[in-house]
Amino acid sequence: MDLVTELKEISLFAMMEHGDLKKIAKLCQVHQFADGEVITREGDHDGRLFVVVSGHVRVCKDLGGPRERQVASMGPRSYFGERALIDDFRRTASVLADGPVTVISLRDWNFRDYIKRYPSLAMELLQNLARRLRDSEAKTG
């Protein structure tokens, strides 16, 4: 898998120069999950950004609890875990494979340095977070 090509297809990275994408690709790991496998768990503290390369994922709150509910689903070229880049806080939801899925994880990315070079990164993240907040509010009434 050519990680630079995969990253270039993601809106968050689309504006980056090839050399920077190569540096980021070196920090990436590719993971494959079977249907129902947990990719991240609500409450975990791992600081990774994930990109869905193929397949689909379900985003759930209170996984395994009495109030378990799906709050979103994502497919190829979606990313999740971006809040960890901003505040390094615990996961706010669990993400599970919805069928076979391949994801790229990015750990130890010095995100703030890249925002200085590419201010559009911050705008992309803000737009994505606003969209997710709006979707969440629409579901809760």
C-alpha atoms as a PDB file:
ATOM      1  CA  MET A   1       0.000   0.000   0.000  1.00  0.00           C
ATOM      2  CA  ASP A   2       1.357   3.417  -0.954  1.00  0.00           C
ATOM      3  CA  LEU A   3       0.682   5.443   2.197  1.00  0.00           C
ATOM      4  CA  VAL A   4       1.543   8.773   0.570  1.00  0.00           C
ATOM      5  CA  THR A   5      -1.120   8.195  -2.094  1.00  0.00           C
ATOM      6  CA  GLU A   6      -3.652   7.101   0.530  1.00  0.00           C
ATOM      7  CA  LEU A   7      -2.977  10.176   2.681  1.00  0.00           C
ATOM      8  CA  LYS A   8      -3.229  12.523  -0.314  1.00  0.00           C
ATOM      9  CA  GLU A   9      -6.822  11.279  -0.866  1.00  0.00           C
ATOM     10  CA  ILE A  10      -7.874  12.413   2.636  1.00  0.00           C
ATOM     11  CA  SER A  11      -9.210  15.960   2.900  1.00  0.00           C
ATOM     12  CA  LEU A  12      -7.083  16.640   5.983  1.00  0.00           C
ATOM     13  CA  PHE A  13      -3.847  15.986   4.073  1.00  0.00           C
ATOM     14  CA  ALA A  14      -4.834  16.941   0.515  1.00  0.00           C
ATOM     15  CA  MET A  15      -3.073  20.316   0.518  1.00  0.00           C
ATOM     16  CA  MET A  16       0.258  19.026   1.803  1.00  0.00           C
ATOM     17  CA  GLU A  17       3.448  18.836  -0.202  1.00  0.00           C
ATOM     18  CA  HIS A  18       4.757  15.421  -1.226  1.00  0.00           C
ATOM     19  CA  GLY A  19       7.820  15.667   1.034  1.00  0.00           C
ATOM     20  CA  ASP A  20       5.688  16.353   4.099  1.00  0.00           C
ATOM     21  CA  LEU A  21       3.353  13.493   3.224  1.00  0.00           C
ATOM     22  CA  LYS A  22       6.364  11.171   3.017  1.00  0.00           C
ATOM     23  CA  LYS A  23       7.422  12.217   6.529  1.00  0.00           C
ATOM     24  CA  ILE A  24       3.924  11.624   7.871  1.00  0.00           C
ATOM     25  CA  ALA A  25       3.658   8.271   6.070  1.00  0.00           C
ATOM     26  CA  LYS A  26       6.732   7.070   7.983  1.00  0.00           C
ATOM     27  CA  LEU A  27       4.769   7.572  11.228  1.00  0.00           C
ATOM     28  CA  CYS A  28       1.784   5.546   9.991  1.00  0.00           C
ATOM     29  CA  GLN A  29       0.841   1.956  10.696  1.00  0.00           C
ATOM     30  CA  VAL A  30      -1.660  -0.111   8.712  1.00  0.00           C
ATOM     31  CA  HIS A  31      -4.177  -2.215  10.654  1.00  0.00           C
ATOM     32  CA  GLN A  32      -6.830  -4.671   9.527  1.00  0.00           C
ATOM     33  CA  PHE A  33      -9.890  -5.488  11.611  1.00  0.00           C
ATOM     34  CA  ALA A  34     -12.609  -8.109  11.261  1.00  0.00           C
ATOM     35  CA  ASP A  35     -16.311  -7.381  11.649  1.00  0.00           C
ATOM     36  CA  GLY A  36     -17.124  -6.290  15.196  1.00  0.00           C
ATOM     37  CA  GLU A  37     -13.538  -5.786  16.341  1.00  0.00           C
ATOM     38  CA  VAL A  38     -12.933  -2.702  18.480  1.00  0.00           C
ATOM     39  CA  ILE A  39     -10.531  -0.212  16.902  1.00  0.00           C
ATOM     40  CA  THR A  40     -10.681   2.313  19.739  1.00  0.00           C
ATOM     41  CA  ARG A  41     -12.574   2.146  23.009  1.00  0.00           C
ATOM     42  CA  GLU A  42     -14.402   4.988  24.736  1.00  0.00           C
ATOM     43  CA  GLY A  43     -12.309   6.204  27.665  1.00  0.00           C
ATOM     44  CA  ASP A  44      -8.983   5.002  26.233  1.00  0.00           C
ATOM     45  CA  HIS A  45      -6.088   7.410  26.068  1.00  0.00           C
ATOM     46  CA  ASP A  46      -3.912   6.613  23.061  1.00  0.00           C
ATOM     47  CA  GLY A  47      -3.480   9.831  21.063  1.00  0.00           C
ATOM     48  CA  ARG A  48      -3.774   8.308  17.578  1.00  0.00           C
ATOM     49  CA  LEU A  49      -5.510   9.671  14.499  1.00  0.00           C
ATOM     50  CA  PHE A  50      -7.130   7.005  12.298  1.00  0.00           C
ATOM     51  CA  VAL A  51      -7.939   7.062   8.584  1.00  0.00           C
ATOM     52  CA  VAL A  52     -10.344   4.531   7.067  1.00  0.00           C
ATOM     53  CA  VAL A  53      -8.702   3.131   3.926  1.00  0.00           C
ATOM     54  CA  SER A  54     -11.319   0.507   3.058  1.00  0.00           C
ATOM     55  CA  GLY A  55     -14.492  -0.782   4.649  1.00  0.00           C
ATOM     56  CA  HIS A  56     -16.748   0.916   7.169  1.00  0.00           C
ATOM     57  CA  VAL A  57     -16.723   1.614  10.890  1.00  0.00           C
ATOM     58  CA  ARG A  58     -19.412   2.252  13.493  1.00  0.00           C
ATOM     59  CA  VAL A  59     -19.000   4.897  16.194  1.00  0.00           C
ATOM     60  CA  CYS A  60     -20.745   3.891  19.431  1.00  0.00           C
ATOM     61  CA  LYS A  61     -21.283   5.336  22.890  1.00  0.00           C
ATOM     62  CA  ASP A  62     -21.537   3.210  26.046  1.00  0.00           C
ATOM     63  CA  LEU A  63     -20.340   0.086  24.195  1.00  0.00           C
ATOM     64  CA  GLY A  64     -21.542  -3.034  25.986  1.00  0.00           C
ATOM     65  CA  GLY A  65     -23.528  -0.963  28.455  1.00  0.00           C
ATOM     66  CA  PRO A  66     -27.266  -0.659  28.958  1.00  0.00           C
ATOM     67  CA  ARG A  67     -27.398   2.571  26.936  1.00  0.00           C
ATOM     68  CA  GLU A  68     -25.224   1.425  24.016  1.00  0.00           C
ATOM     69  CA  ARG A  69     -26.047   3.319  20.840  1.00  0.00           C
ATOM     70  CA  GLN A  70     -24.508   3.982  17.454  1.00  0.00           C
ATOM     71  CA  VAL A  71     -23.891   7.674  16.913  1.00  0.00           C
ATOM     72  CA  ALA A  72     -22.223   7.626  13.490  1.00  0.00           C
ATOM     73  CA  SER A  73     -20.769   5.503  10.729  1.00  0.00           C
ATOM     74  CA  MET A  74     -17.838   6.235   8.452  1.00  0.00           C
ATOM     75  CA  GLY A  75     -16.405   4.845   5.257  1.00  0.00           C
ATOM     76  CA  PRO A  76     -13.275   5.143   3.141  1.00  0.00           C
ATOM     77  CA  ARG A  77     -11.362   8.428   3.331  1.00  0.00           C
ATOM     78  CA  SER A  78     -12.958   9.327   6.663  1.00  0.00           C
ATOM     79  CA  TYR A  79     -10.837  10.002   9.694  1.00  0.00           C
ATOM     80  CA  PHE A  80     -11.452   9.867  13.427  1.00  0.00           C
ATOM     81  CA  GLY A  81      -9.512  10.533  16.590  1.00  0.00           C
ATOM     82  CA  GLU A  82      -8.652  14.069  15.557  1.00  0.00           C
ATOM     83  CA  ARG A  83      -9.512  15.464  18.985  1.00  0.00           C
ATOM     84  CA  ALA A  84      -6.484  13.580  20.330  1.00  0.00           C
ATOM     85  CA  LEU A  85      -4.337  15.827  18.132  1.00  0.00           C
ATOM     86  CA  ILE A  86      -5.814  18.907  19.749  1.00  0.00           C
ATOM     87  CA  ASP A  87      -6.218  18.132  23.445  1.00  0.00           C
ATOM     88  CA  ASP A  88      -4.773  14.633  24.012  1.00  0.00           C
ATOM     89  CA  PHE A  89      -7.902  13.704  25.984  1.00  0.00           C
ATOM     90  CA  ARG A  90      -9.571  10.325  26.423  1.00  0.00           C
ATOM     91  CA  ARG A  91     -11.656   8.812  23.606  1.00  0.00           C
ATOM     92  CA  THR A  92     -15.244  10.036  23.646  1.00  0.00           C
ATOM     93  CA  ALA A  93     -16.644   7.020  21.772  1.00  0.00           C
ATOM     94  CA  SER A  94     -15.760   3.503  20.700  1.00  0.00           C
ATOM     95  CA  VAL A  95     -15.146   2.696  17.044  1.00  0.00           C
ATOM     96  CA  LEU A  96     -15.786  -0.812  15.700  1.00  0.00           C
ATOM     97  CA  ALA A  97     -15.253  -2.482  12.358  1.00  0.00           C
ATOM     98  CA  ASP A  98     -18.522  -2.850  10.440  1.00  0.00           C
ATOM     99  CA  GLY A  99     -17.325  -5.709   8.254  1.00  0.00           C
ATOM    100  CA  PRO A 100     -13.677  -6.085   7.249  1.00  0.00           C
ATOM    101  CA  VAL A 101     -11.877  -2.755   7.489  1.00  0.00           C
ATOM    102  CA  THR A 102      -8.380  -1.412   6.890  1.00  0.00           C
ATOM    103  CA  VAL A 103      -7.254   1.710   8.728  1.00  0.00           C
ATOM    104  CA  ILE A 104      -4.084   3.731   8.975  1.00  0.00           C
ATOM    105  CA  SER A 105      -3.113   5.014  12.418  1.00  0.00           C
ATOM    106  CA  LEU A 106      -0.895   7.999  12.972  1.00  0.00           C
ATOM    107  CA  ARG A 107       0.836   8.408  16.325  1.00  0.00           C
ATOM    108  CA  ASP A 108       3.341  10.979  17.514  1.00  0.00           C
ATOM    109  CA  TRP A 109       2.531  13.423  14.745  1.00  0.00           C
ATOM    110  CA  ASN A 110       3.675  16.916  15.699  1.00  0.00           C
ATOM    111  CA  PHE A 111       0.382  18.360  14.527  1.00  0.00           C
ATOM    112  CA  ARG A 112       0.964  21.895  15.803  1.00  0.00           C
ATOM    113  CA  ASP A 113       4.092  22.320  13.673  1.00  0.00           C
ATOM    114  CA  TYR A 114       2.149  21.322  10.563  1.00  0.00           C
ATOM    115  CA  ILE A 115      -0.650  23.781  11.370  1.00  0.00           C
ATOM    116  CA  LYS A 116       1.918  26.576  11.237  1.00  0.00           C
ATOM    117  CA  ARG A 117       2.931  25.472   7.725  1.00  0.00           C
ATOM    118  CA  TYR A 118      -0.591  24.563   6.583  1.00  0.00           C
ATOM    119  CA  PRO A 119      -3.228  26.743   8.293  1.00  0.00           C
ATOM    120  CA  SER A 120      -5.877  24.993   6.190  1.00  0.00           C
ATOM    121  CA  LEU A 121      -5.333  21.918   8.410  1.00  0.00           C
ATOM    122  CA  ALA A 122      -6.898  23.776  11.310  1.00  0.00           C
ATOM    123  CA  MET A 123      -9.821  24.895   9.153  1.00  0.00           C
ATOM    124  CA  GLU A 124     -10.443  21.336   7.916  1.00  0.00           C
ATOM    125  CA  LEU A 125     -10.451  20.033  11.490  1.00  0.00           C
ATOM    126  CA  LEU A 126     -12.774  22.794  12.676  1.00  0.00           C
ATOM    127  CA  GLN A 127     -15.212  22.137   9.840  1.00  0.00           C
ATOM    128  CA  ASN A 128     -15.159  18.403  10.538  1.00  0.00           C
ATOM    129  CA  LEU A 129     -15.696  18.895  14.280  1.00  0.00           C
ATOM    130  CA  ALA A 130     -18.533  21.357  13.630  1.00  0.00           C
ATOM    131  CA  ARG A 131     -20.193  18.893  11.242  1.00  0.00           C
ATOM    132  CA  ARG A 132     -19.975  16.114  13.831  1.00  0.00           C
ATOM    133  CA  LEU A 133     -21.352  18.356  16.571  1.00  0.00           C
ATOM    134  CA  ARG A 134     -24.242  19.395  14.321  1.00  0.00           C
ATOM    135  CA  ASP A 135     -24.992  15.742  13.477  1.00  0.00           C
ATOM    136  CA  SER A 136     -24.861  14.799  17.146  1.00  0.00           C
ATOM    137  CA  GLU A 137     -27.215  17.602  18.140  1.00  0.00           C
ATOM    138  CA  ALA A 138     -29.657  16.620  15.391  1.00  0.00           C
ATOM    139  CA  LYS A 139     -29.770  13.058  16.745  1.00  0.00           C
ATOM    140  CA  THR A 140     -30.370  14.111  20.346  1.00  0.00           C
ATOM    141  CA  GLY A 141     -33.120  16.535  19.464  1.00  0.00           C
END
